[in-house]
C-alpha cells in the first residue's frame, strides 16, 4: 500500500492562524466589561451562551488535531515497518539472486539495493516485487526478473558520463536502475498509458535524469544520439538498423532477439573500429517487440 505523506500536500492540517487569533480575541472581548468606577476593563463571568459557543468552537478545533495525532501514532510505525521490510527484501534479493549468480558490478549492486522495485509494480503484486521472476504490469507487458535487469545493466558497463537509450520503458524500473549510474537516460515506450504512468512515477520518485517518450522504439530517438549504450527490453525478430546507427563508436547495445514462439537469445551488439560485432549471451524469454501498425 502506498501511504504517501501525511500533511505534505501543501495544505494546512488545521484551521488558519487567523481563525485562532480571531477566536481568542472574540472570547477575550466577551470576557471583559468596562468598569465605569475605575475606568478600565475587568473580567466578567461568562454567560451559559458564551460557554456553549466556546466549547463548540474548541471542539471543532481539537477534533482535527486529535485525529492528526492519532493518525501519526498509528501509521508511522506501520510505514517504518513496511519500509524496513522492503529494504530487507532488497538486500536479500541482491545477495541471493544477483551476487550469487555472478553480478559483481559495484554500481549495479548498489542501484539494485537502492531502487524501490515495489514502487514499480502494480499494487496487487507488491508482495511479489522482490521475487525471482518477472511480473505482469498490464497491457500484456511485464517487468523483468531482477536478475535480468541487473545482468543487462552490468553487460553495458555504465559510466557516469554515459547517455543511454532504453527501448521499452514499461513501469520505468530499468530506467530507474540506470539513473544513478549514468548522465542521462532516454527511454521510449509504445503504449501511451505505460509511458505516462512511468513518467509520473519517475518524477515523483526523484529520477530527474530520465526522459520518457511515447513512440515506436524501433526507430530509437535520433535527436539525442549517438548513445554510449542502448538497452532493449522486448524481443525483436532482428536487430533494428536504426538502433545500430544510433549507437556511438565504442558503444554497446543489449537486446533479446528471436520469435515469441522460438528460443530467444540475449545479444550483445558492439561498435568497434567502425565494425558492428554481435555476441550471443544467453537464452531468454521476453515479451515481443511491439510496433506501430
C-alpha atoms as a PDB file:
ATOM      1  CA  UNK A   1       0.000   0.000   0.000  1.00  0.00           C
ATOM      2  CA  UNK A   2       1.221   3.481  -0.847  1.00  0.00           C
ATOM      3  CA  UNK A   3       0.748   5.558   2.250  1.00  0.00           C
ATOM      4  CA  UNK A   4       2.024   8.907   0.946  1.00  0.00           C
ATOM      5  CA  UNK A   5       2.989  11.652   3.314  1.00  0.00           C
ATOM      6  CA  UNK A   6       0.596  12.858   5.980  1.00  0.00           C
ATOM      7  CA  UNK A   7       0.373  16.622   5.932  1.00  0.00           C
ATOM      8  CA  UNK A   8       2.772  17.025   2.992  1.00  0.00           C
ATOM      9  CA  UNK A   9       0.385  18.248   0.307  1.00  0.00           C
ATOM     10  CA  UNK A  10       0.719  21.999   0.684  1.00  0.00           C
ATOM     11  CA  UNK A  11      -2.482  22.422   2.706  1.00  0.00           C
ATOM     12  CA  UNK A  12      -2.898  23.333   6.372  1.00  0.00           C
ATOM     13  CA  UNK A  13      -3.812  20.389   8.596  1.00  0.00           C
ATOM     14  CA  UNK A  14      -5.764  22.661  10.957  1.00  0.00           C
ATOM     15  CA  UNK A  15      -7.622  25.984  10.896  1.00  0.00           C
ATOM     16  CA  UNK A  16      -5.711  29.027   9.612  1.00  0.00           C
ATOM     17  CA  UNK A  17      -3.821  31.064  12.194  1.00  0.00           C
ATOM     18  CA  UNK A  18      -6.161  33.995  11.586  1.00  0.00           C
ATOM     19  CA  UNK A  19      -9.072  31.837  12.751  1.00  0.00           C
ATOM     20  CA  UNK A  20      -7.355  31.057  16.048  1.00  0.00           C
ATOM     21  CA  UNK A  21      -6.409  34.686  16.578  1.00  0.00           C
ATOM     22  CA  UNK A  22      -9.935  35.928  15.868  1.00  0.00           C
ATOM     23  CA  UNK A  23     -11.436  33.230  18.066  1.00  0.00           C
ATOM     24  CA  UNK A  24      -9.334  34.109  21.104  1.00  0.00           C
ATOM     25  CA  UNK A  25      -9.814  37.833  20.572  1.00  0.00           C
ATOM     26  CA  UNK A  26     -13.574  37.264  20.468  1.00  0.00           C
ATOM     27  CA  UNK A  27     -13.508  35.173  23.645  1.00  0.00           C
ATOM     28  CA  UNK A  28     -11.342  37.782  25.385  1.00  0.00           C
ATOM     29  CA  UNK A  29     -13.750  40.551  24.374  1.00  0.00           C
ATOM     30  CA  UNK A  30     -16.735  38.617  25.682  1.00  0.00           C
ATOM     31  CA  UNK A  31     -14.934  38.035  28.985  1.00  0.00           C
ATOM     32  CA  UNK A  32     -14.446  41.755  29.649  1.00  0.00           C
ATOM     33  CA  UNK A  33     -16.747  44.540  30.841  1.00  0.00           C
ATOM     34  CA  UNK A  34     -15.918  48.234  31.271  1.00  0.00           C
ATOM     35  CA  UNK A  35     -15.709  49.265  34.952  1.00  0.00           C
ATOM     36  CA  UNK A  36     -17.049  52.851  34.970  1.00  0.00           C
ATOM     37  CA  UNK A  37     -15.889  53.446  38.567  1.00  0.00           C
ATOM     38  CA  UNK A  38     -12.224  52.605  37.914  1.00  0.00           C
ATOM     39  CA  UNK A  39     -12.140  53.473  34.170  1.00  0.00           C
ATOM     40  CA  UNK A  40     -10.854  50.157  32.950  1.00  0.00           C
ATOM     41  CA  UNK A  41     -11.880  46.756  31.556  1.00  0.00           C
ATOM     42  CA  UNK A  42     -12.232  43.921  34.022  1.00  0.00           C
ATOM     43  CA  UNK A  43     -13.079  40.250  33.571  1.00  0.00           C
ATOM     44  CA  UNK A  44     -16.689  39.217  33.832  1.00  0.00           C
ATOM     45  CA  UNK A  45     -18.335  35.868  34.320  1.00  0.00           C
ATOM     46  CA  UNK A  46     -19.157  34.165  31.005  1.00  0.00           C
ATOM     47  CA  UNK A  47     -22.803  33.502  30.288  1.00  0.00           C
ATOM     48  CA  UNK A  48     -24.004  29.980  29.572  1.00  0.00           C
ATOM     49  CA  UNK A  49     -24.371  31.018  25.934  1.00  0.00           C
ATOM     50  CA  UNK A  50     -20.711  32.113  25.819  1.00  0.00           C
ATOM     51  CA  UNK A  51     -19.601  28.883  27.429  1.00  0.00           C
ATOM     52  CA  UNK A  52     -21.566  26.775  24.928  1.00  0.00           C
ATOM     53  CA  UNK A  53     -20.171  28.736  21.987  1.00  0.00           C
ATOM     54  CA  UNK A  54     -16.616  28.474  23.284  1.00  0.00           C
ATOM     55  CA  UNK A  55     -16.949  24.740  23.918  1.00  0.00           C
ATOM     56  CA  UNK A  56     -18.348  24.190  20.425  1.00  0.00           C
ATOM     57  CA  UNK A  57     -15.526  26.085  18.715  1.00  0.00           C
ATOM     58  CA  UNK A  58     -12.855  24.436  20.855  1.00  0.00           C
ATOM     59  CA  UNK A  59     -14.300  21.021  19.983  1.00  0.00           C
ATOM     60  CA  UNK A  60     -14.166  21.802  16.258  1.00  0.00           C
ATOM     61  CA  UNK A  61     -10.503  22.800  16.675  1.00  0.00           C
ATOM     62  CA  UNK A  62      -9.425  19.936  18.890  1.00  0.00           C
ATOM     63  CA  UNK A  63     -11.016  17.092  16.902  1.00  0.00           C
ATOM     64  CA  UNK A  64      -8.869  17.548  13.736  1.00  0.00           C
ATOM     65  CA  UNK A  65      -5.762  17.908  15.913  1.00  0.00           C
ATOM     66  CA  UNK A  66      -6.635  14.725  17.823  1.00  0.00           C
ATOM     67  CA  UNK A  67      -7.263  12.822  14.577  1.00  0.00           C
ATOM     68  CA  UNK A  68      -3.950  14.007  13.163  1.00  0.00           C
ATOM     69  CA  UNK A  69      -2.050  12.886  16.267  1.00  0.00           C
ATOM     70  CA  UNK A  70      -3.843   9.528  16.201  1.00  0.00           C
ATOM     71  CA  UNK A  71      -3.024   9.048  12.521  1.00  0.00           C
ATOM     72  CA  UNK A  72       0.645   9.824  13.105  1.00  0.00           C
ATOM     73  CA  UNK A  73       0.805   7.497  16.100  1.00  0.00           C
ATOM     74  CA  UNK A  74      -0.974   4.669  14.262  1.00  0.00           C
ATOM     75  CA  UNK A  75       0.507   4.854  10.752  1.00  0.00           C
ATOM     76  CA  UNK A  76       4.112   5.938  11.407  1.00  0.00           C
ATOM     77  CA  UNK A  77       5.224   2.595  12.927  1.00  0.00           C
ATOM     78  CA  UNK A  78       3.466   0.679  10.106  1.00  0.00           C
ATOM     79  CA  UNK A  79       5.115   2.832   7.438  1.00  0.00           C
ATOM     80  CA  UNK A  80       8.500   2.378   9.113  1.00  0.00           C
ATOM     81  CA  UNK A  81       7.954  -1.388   9.377  1.00  0.00           C
ATOM     82  CA  UNK A  82       6.910  -1.562   5.709  1.00  0.00           C
ATOM     83  CA  UNK A  83       9.992   0.389   4.604  1.00  0.00           C
ATOM     84  CA  UNK A  84      12.253  -1.788   6.754  1.00  0.00           C
ATOM     85  CA  UNK A  85      10.711  -4.952   5.324  1.00  0.00           C
ATOM     86  CA  UNK A  86      11.176  -3.743   1.751  1.00  0.00           C
ATOM     87  CA  UNK A  87      14.793  -2.732   2.398  1.00  0.00           C
ATOM     88  CA  UNK A  88      15.476  -6.163   3.860  1.00  0.00           C
ATOM     89  CA  UNK A  89      13.819  -7.794   0.834  1.00  0.00           C
ATOM     90  CA  UNK A  90      16.070  -5.770  -1.492  1.00  0.00           C
ATOM     91  CA  UNK A  91      19.182  -6.769   0.433  1.00  0.00           C
ATOM     92  CA  UNK A  92      18.241 -10.444   0.223  1.00  0.00           C
ATOM     93  CA  UNK A  93      17.400 -10.071  -3.470  1.00  0.00           C
ATOM     94  CA  UNK A  94      20.843  -8.636  -4.191  1.00  0.00           C
ATOM     95  CA  UNK A  95      22.622 -11.277  -2.122  1.00  0.00           C
ATOM     96  CA  UNK A  96      20.738 -14.380  -3.232  1.00  0.00           C
ATOM     97  CA  UNK A  97      19.591 -13.569  -6.767  1.00  0.00           C
ATOM     98  CA  UNK A  98      22.324 -11.283  -8.100  1.00  0.00           C
ATOM     99  CA  UNK A  99      25.654 -11.613  -6.300  1.00  0.00           C
ATOM    100  CA  UNK A 100      25.233 -15.387  -6.017  1.00  0.00           C
ATOM    101  CA  UNK A 101      24.816 -15.581  -9.820  1.00  0.00           C
ATOM    102  CA  UNK A 102      27.859 -13.525 -10.690  1.00  0.00           C
ATOM    103  CA  UNK A 103      26.599  -9.938 -10.817  1.00  0.00           C
ATOM    104  CA  UNK A 104      29.539  -8.085  -9.282  1.00  0.00           C
ATOM    105  CA  UNK A 105      29.460  -4.535 -10.711  1.00  0.00           C
ATOM    106  CA  UNK A 106      29.531  -2.357  -7.540  1.00  0.00           C
ATOM    107  CA  UNK A 107      27.346   0.371  -9.044  1.00  0.00           C
ATOM    108  CA  UNK A 108      24.767  -2.086 -10.345  1.00  0.00           C
ATOM    109  CA  UNK A 109      24.527  -3.874  -7.000  1.00  0.00           C
ATOM    110  CA  UNK A 110      24.190  -0.530  -5.224  1.00  0.00           C
ATOM    111  CA  UNK A 111      21.430   0.597  -7.585  1.00  0.00           C
ATOM    112  CA  UNK A 112      19.529  -2.689  -7.242  1.00  0.00           C
ATOM    113  CA  UNK A 113      19.851  -2.393  -3.469  1.00  0.00           C
ATOM    114  CA  UNK A 114      18.530   1.181  -3.541  1.00  0.00           C
ATOM    115  CA  UNK A 115      15.796   1.427  -6.187  1.00  0.00           C
ATOM    116  CA  UNK A 116      12.392   0.584  -4.609  1.00  0.00           C
ATOM    117  CA  UNK A 117      11.207  -2.104  -7.056  1.00  0.00           C
ATOM    118  CA  UNK A 118       7.905  -2.408  -5.159  1.00  0.00           C
ATOM    119  CA  UNK A 119       7.035   1.118  -6.333  1.00  0.00           C
ATOM    120  CA  UNK A 120       7.328  -0.053  -9.966  1.00  0.00           C
ATOM    121  CA  UNK A 121       4.879  -2.959  -9.835  1.00  0.00           C
ATOM    122  CA  UNK A 122       1.058  -2.916  -9.572  1.00  0.00           C
ATOM    123  CA  UNK A 123      -0.224  -2.606  -6.002  1.00  0.00           C
ATOM    124  CA  UNK A 124      -1.705  -6.098  -6.009  1.00  0.00           C
ATOM    125  CA  UNK A 125       1.726  -7.508  -6.947  1.00  0.00           C
ATOM    126  CA  UNK A 126       3.843  -5.647  -4.390  1.00  0.00           C
ATOM    127  CA  UNK A 127       4.189  -8.651  -2.094  1.00  0.00           C
ATOM    128  CA  UNK A 128       5.975 -10.340  -5.033  1.00  0.00           C
ATOM    129  CA  UNK A 129       8.091  -7.324  -6.037  1.00  0.00           C
ATOM    130  CA  UNK A 130      11.418  -8.870  -4.964  1.00  0.00           C
ATOM    131  CA  UNK A 131      10.661 -12.424  -6.068  1.00  0.00           C
ATOM    132  CA  UNK A 132      12.988 -14.084  -8.570  1.00  0.00           C
ATOM    133  CA  UNK A 133      10.612 -13.733 -11.515  1.00  0.00           C
ATOM    134  CA  UNK A 134       9.065 -11.269 -13.989  1.00  0.00           C
ATOM    135  CA  UNK A 135       5.681  -9.790 -13.062  1.00  0.00           C
ATOM    136  CA  UNK A 136       2.727  -8.635 -15.202  1.00  0.00           C
ATOM    137  CA  UNK A 137       2.185  -4.874 -15.398  1.00  0.00           C
ATOM    138  CA  UNK A 138      -0.840  -4.774 -17.691  1.00  0.00           C
ATOM    139  CA  UNK A 139      -1.288  -4.364 -21.458  1.00  0.00           C
ATOM    140  CA  UNK A 140       0.339  -7.754 -21.998  1.00  0.00           C
ATOM    141  CA  UNK A 141       3.679  -6.449 -20.699  1.00  0.00           C
ATOM    142  CA  UNK A 142       5.934  -7.456 -17.806  1.00  0.00           C
ATOM    143  CA  UNK A 143       8.592  -6.023 -15.511  1.00  0.00           C
ATOM    144  CA  UNK A 144      11.716  -8.136 -15.972  1.00  0.00           C
ATOM    145  CA  UNK A 145      13.101 -10.517 -13.390  1.00  0.00           C
ATOM    146  CA  UNK A 146      15.559  -8.661 -11.067  1.00  0.00           C
ATOM    147  CA  UNK A 147      18.498 -10.794 -12.223  1.00  0.00           C
ATOM    148  CA  UNK A 148      17.873  -9.966 -15.887  1.00  0.00           C
ATOM    149  CA  UNK A 149      17.681  -6.225 -15.117  1.00  0.00           C
ATOM    150  CA  UNK A 150      20.960  -6.382 -13.192  1.00  0.00           C
ATOM    151  CA  UNK A 151      22.682  -8.612 -15.765  1.00  0.00           C
ATOM    152  CA  UNK A 152      21.731  -6.415 -18.737  1.00  0.00           C
ATOM    153  CA  UNK A 153      22.855  -3.310 -16.856  1.00  0.00           C
ATOM    154  CA  UNK A 154      26.197  -4.890 -15.943  1.00  0.00           C
ATOM    155  CA  UNK A 155      26.852  -6.023 -19.519  1.00  0.00           C
ATOM    156  CA  UNK A 156      26.708  -2.470 -20.921  1.00  0.00           C
ATOM    157  CA  UNK A 157      29.185  -1.391 -18.178  1.00  0.00           C
ATOM    158  CA  UNK A 158      27.537   2.013 -17.481  1.00  0.00           C
ATOM    159  CA  UNK A 159      29.714   5.040 -16.703  1.00  0.00           C
ATOM    160  CA  UNK A 160      28.882   8.376 -15.103  1.00  0.00           C
ATOM    161  CA  UNK A 161      29.162  10.401 -18.332  1.00  0.00           C
ATOM    162  CA  UNK A 162      27.193   7.921 -20.476  1.00  0.00           C
ATOM    163  CA  UNK A 163      23.994   8.809 -22.297  1.00  0.00           C
ATOM    164  CA  UNK A 164      21.806   5.702 -22.563  1.00  0.00           C
ATOM    165  CA  UNK A 165      18.770   4.878 -24.692  1.00  0.00           C
ATOM    166  CA  UNK A 166      16.226   2.375 -23.407  1.00  0.00           C
ATOM    167  CA  UNK A 167      13.583   0.835 -25.650  1.00  0.00           C
ATOM    168  CA  UNK A 168      10.562  -0.404 -23.707  1.00  0.00           C
ATOM    169  CA  UNK A 169      10.065   1.769 -20.619  1.00  0.00           C
ATOM    170  CA  UNK A 170       7.388  -0.411 -19.041  1.00  0.00           C
ATOM    171  CA  UNK A 171       6.942   0.857 -15.481  1.00  0.00           C
ATOM    172  CA  UNK A 172      10.296   2.691 -15.527  1.00  0.00           C
ATOM    173  CA  UNK A 173      12.233   0.243 -13.333  1.00  0.00           C
ATOM    174  CA  UNK A 174      15.146  -0.407 -15.712  1.00  0.00           C
ATOM    175  CA  UNK A 175      15.487   3.350 -16.287  1.00  0.00           C
ATOM    176  CA  UNK A 176      15.489   3.939 -12.517  1.00  0.00           C
ATOM    177  CA  UNK A 177      18.293   1.386 -12.070  1.00  0.00           C
ATOM    178  CA  UNK A 178      20.322   3.098 -14.818  1.00  0.00           C
ATOM    179  CA  UNK A 179      19.640   6.604 -13.486  1.00  0.00           C
ATOM    180  CA  UNK A 180      22.297   6.803 -10.710  1.00  0.00           C
ATOM    181  CA  UNK A 181      24.896   5.136 -12.929  1.00  0.00           C
ATOM    182  CA  UNK A 182      24.846   7.406 -15.995  1.00  0.00           C
ATOM    183  CA  UNK A 183      24.468  11.033 -17.039  1.00  0.00           C
ATOM    184  CA  UNK A 184      21.067  10.675 -18.711  1.00  0.00           C
ATOM    185  CA  UNK A 185      18.566   8.013 -19.733  1.00  0.00           C
ATOM    186  CA  UNK A 186      16.229   8.494 -22.703  1.00  0.00           C
ATOM    187  CA  UNK A 187      13.514   5.864 -22.758  1.00  0.00           C
ATOM    188  CA  UNK A 188      10.808   5.105 -25.328  1.00  0.00           C
ATOM    189  CA  UNK A 189       7.527   3.287 -24.633  1.00  0.00           C
ATOM    190  CA  UNK A 190       4.987   2.438 -27.351  1.00  0.00           C
ATOM    191  CA  UNK A 191       1.990   2.030 -25.009  1.00  0.00           C
ATOM    192  CA  UNK A 192       0.824   5.523 -24.097  1.00  0.00           C
ATOM    193  CA  UNK A 193      -0.718   4.585 -20.728  1.00  0.00           C
ATOM    194  CA  UNK A 194       2.501   2.928 -19.576  1.00  0.00           C
ATOM    195  CA  UNK A 195       4.598   5.854 -20.815  1.00  0.00           C
ATOM    196  CA  UNK A 196       2.521   8.393 -18.909  1.00  0.00           C
ATOM    197  CA  UNK A 197       2.479   6.359 -15.698  1.00  0.00           C
ATOM    198  CA  UNK A 198       6.226   5.785 -15.892  1.00  0.00           C
ATOM    199  CA  UNK A 199       6.851   9.491 -16.481  1.00  0.00           C
ATOM    200  CA  UNK A 200       4.829  10.431 -13.388  1.00  0.00           C
ATOM    201  CA  UNK A 201       6.314   7.656 -11.255  1.00  0.00           C
ATOM    202  CA  UNK A 202       9.915   8.510 -12.117  1.00  0.00           C
ATOM    203  CA  UNK A 203       9.276  12.204 -11.467  1.00  0.00           C
ATOM    204  CA  UNK A 204       7.592  11.503  -8.118  1.00  0.00           C
ATOM    205  CA  UNK A 205      10.480   9.292  -7.014  1.00  0.00           C
ATOM    206  CA  UNK A 206      13.049  11.919  -7.979  1.00  0.00           C
ATOM    207  CA  UNK A 207      14.732  10.417 -11.055  1.00  0.00           C
ATOM    208  CA  UNK A 208      15.492  13.745 -12.706  1.00  0.00           C
ATOM    209  CA  UNK A 209      17.881  12.471 -15.380  1.00  0.00           C
ATOM    210  CA  UNK A 210      15.327  10.201 -17.069  1.00  0.00           C
ATOM    211  CA  UNK A 211      13.255  11.429 -20.033  1.00  0.00           C
ATOM    212  CA  UNK A 212      10.279   9.353 -21.186  1.00  0.00           C
ATOM    213  CA  UNK A 213       8.789   9.477 -24.675  1.00  0.00           C
ATOM    214  CA  UNK A 214       5.744   7.736 -26.127  1.00  0.00           C
ATOM    215  CA  UNK A 215       6.582   6.282 -29.521  1.00  0.00           C
ATOM    216  CA  UNK A 216       7.773   3.360 -31.648  1.00  0.00           C
ATOM    217  CA  UNK A 217      11.122   2.300 -30.220  1.00  0.00           C
ATOM    218  CA  UNK A 218      12.189   0.592 -33.450  1.00  0.00           C
ATOM    219  CA  UNK A 219      13.284   3.997 -34.723  1.00  0.00           C
ATOM    220  CA  UNK A 220      15.109   4.881 -31.499  1.00  0.00           C
ATOM    221  CA  UNK A 221      15.393   8.557 -30.530  1.00  0.00           C
ATOM    222  CA  UNK A 222      17.757  10.079 -33.046  1.00  0.00           C
ATOM    223  CA  UNK A 223      17.683  13.624 -31.637  1.00  0.00           C
ATOM    224  CA  UNK A 224      19.698  12.656 -28.548  1.00  0.00           C
ATOM    225  CA  UNK A 225      22.057  10.150 -30.170  1.00  0.00           C
ATOM    226  CA  UNK A 226      24.509   8.736 -30.706  1.00  0.00           C
ATOM    227  CA  UNK A 227      24.322   6.759 -27.463  1.00  0.00           C
ATOM    228  CA  UNK A 228      27.023   5.183 -25.348  1.00  0.00           C
ATOM    229  CA  UNK A 229      24.689   2.280 -24.662  1.00  0.00           C
ATOM    230  CA  UNK A 230      21.257   1.022 -25.706  1.00  0.00           C
ATOM    231  CA  UNK A 231      19.115  -1.349 -23.633  1.00  0.00           C
ATOM    232  CA  UNK A 232      16.172  -3.072 -25.343  1.00  0.00           C
ATOM    233  CA  UNK A 233      13.639  -4.773 -23.076  1.00  0.00           C
ATOM    234  CA  UNK A 234      11.450  -6.554 -25.657  1.00  0.00           C
ATOM    235  CA  UNK A 235      12.331  -9.335 -28.092  1.00  0.00           C
ATOM    236  CA  UNK A 236      12.763  -8.289 -31.718  1.00  0.00           C
ATOM    237  CA  UNK A 237      12.957 -10.798 -34.570  1.00  0.00           C
ATOM    238  CA  UNK A 238      16.033  -8.935 -35.807  1.00  0.00           C
ATOM    239  CA  UNK A 239      18.318  -6.160 -34.588  1.00  0.00           C
ATOM    240  CA  UNK A 240      16.723  -2.836 -35.704  1.00  0.00           C
ATOM    241  CA  UNK A 241      19.137  -0.988 -38.062  1.00  0.00           C
ATOM    242  CA  UNK A 242      18.122   2.479 -36.698  1.00  0.00           C
ATOM    243  CA  UNK A 243      19.325   1.432 -33.246  1.00  0.00           C
ATOM    244  CA  UNK A 244      22.664   0.256 -34.621  1.00  0.00           C
ATOM    245  CA  UNK A 245      23.031   3.603 -36.410  1.00  0.00           C
ATOM    246  CA  UNK A 246      22.344   5.494 -33.182  1.00  0.00           C
ATOM    247  CA  UNK A 247      24.963   3.527 -31.238  1.00  0.00           C
ATOM    248  CA  UNK A 248      28.150   5.511 -30.656  1.00  0.00           C
ATOM    249  CA  UNK A 249      31.561   4.223 -31.740  1.00  0.00           C
ATOM    250  CA  UNK A 250      32.787   2.122 -28.836  1.00  0.00           C
ATOM    251  CA  UNK A 251      29.214   1.730 -27.546  1.00  0.00           C
ATOM    252  CA  UNK A 252      27.261  -1.380 -26.591  1.00  0.00           C
ATOM    253  CA  UNK A 253      23.671  -2.486 -27.110  1.00  0.00           C
ATOM    254  CA  UNK A 254      21.987  -5.378 -25.347  1.00  0.00           C
ATOM    255  CA  UNK A 255      18.840  -6.786 -26.950  1.00  0.00           C
ATOM    256  CA  UNK A 256      16.793 -10.006 -26.840  1.00  0.00           C
ATOM    257  CA  UNK A 257      16.406 -11.401 -30.357  1.00  0.00           C
ATOM    258  CA  UNK A 258      14.039 -14.104 -31.566  1.00  0.00           C
ATOM    259  CA  UNK A 259      10.453 -15.035 -32.320  1.00  0.00           C
ATOM    260  CA  UNK A 260       7.898 -15.275 -29.499  1.00  0.00           C
ATOM    261  CA  UNK A 261       7.349 -18.931 -30.473  1.00  0.00           C
ATOM    262  CA  UNK A 262      11.008 -19.909 -30.624  1.00  0.00           C
ATOM    263  CA  UNK A 263      14.041 -19.658 -28.398  1.00  0.00           C
ATOM    264  CA  UNK A 264      15.152 -16.080 -27.882  1.00  0.00           C
ATOM    265  CA  UNK A 265      18.717 -15.052 -27.141  1.00  0.00           C
ATOM    266  CA  UNK A 266      20.128 -12.059 -25.347  1.00  0.00           C
ATOM    267  CA  UNK A 267      22.569 -10.469 -27.788  1.00  0.00           C
ATOM    268  CA  UNK A 268      25.396  -8.000 -27.214  1.00  0.00           C
ATOM    269  CA  UNK A 269      25.983  -5.609 -30.124  1.00  0.00           C
ATOM    270  CA  UNK A 270      29.197  -3.562 -30.123  1.00  0.00           C
ATOM    271  CA  UNK A 271      30.642  -0.926 -32.432  1.00  0.00           C
ATOM    272  CA  UNK A 272      34.421  -1.212 -32.592  1.00  0.00           C
ATOM    273  CA  UNK A 273      36.651   0.476 -35.167  1.00  0.00           C
ATOM    274  CA  UNK A 274      33.739   1.082 -37.498  1.00  0.00           C
ATOM    275  CA  UNK A 275      32.612  -2.546 -37.388  1.00  0.00           C
ATOM    276  CA  UNK A 276      29.489  -3.984 -35.764  1.00  0.00           C
ATOM    277  CA  UNK A 277      30.069  -7.154 -33.782  1.00  0.00           C
ATOM    278  CA  UNK A 278      27.426  -9.359 -32.168  1.00  0.00           C
ATOM    279  CA  UNK A 279      27.729 -11.952 -29.453  1.00  0.00           C
ATOM    280  CA  UNK A 280      25.144 -14.367 -28.057  1.00  0.00           C
ATOM    281  CA  UNK A 281      24.950 -14.282 -24.263  1.00  0.00           C
ATOM    282  CA  UNK A 282      22.114 -16.498 -23.006  1.00  0.00           C
ATOM    283  CA  UNK A 283      18.675 -17.889 -23.858  1.00  0.00           C
ATOM    284  CA  UNK A 284      15.847 -15.721 -22.511  1.00  0.00           C
ATOM    285  CA  UNK A 285      12.102 -15.182 -22.737  1.00  0.00           C
ATOM    286  CA  UNK A 286      10.841 -11.635 -23.344  1.00  0.00           C
ATOM    287  CA  UNK A 287       7.552 -10.133 -24.491  1.00  0.00           C
ATOM    288  CA  UNK A 288       7.513  -9.332 -28.226  1.00  0.00           C
ATOM    289  CA  UNK A 289       8.826  -6.030 -29.591  1.00  0.00           C
ATOM    290  CA  UNK A 290       5.649  -4.041 -30.334  1.00  0.00           C
ATOM    291  CA  UNK A 291       5.458  -1.829 -33.400  1.00  0.00           C
ATOM    292  CA  UNK A 292       3.049   0.846 -34.605  1.00  0.00           C
ATOM    293  CA  UNK A 293       0.652  -0.623 -37.137  1.00  0.00           C
END
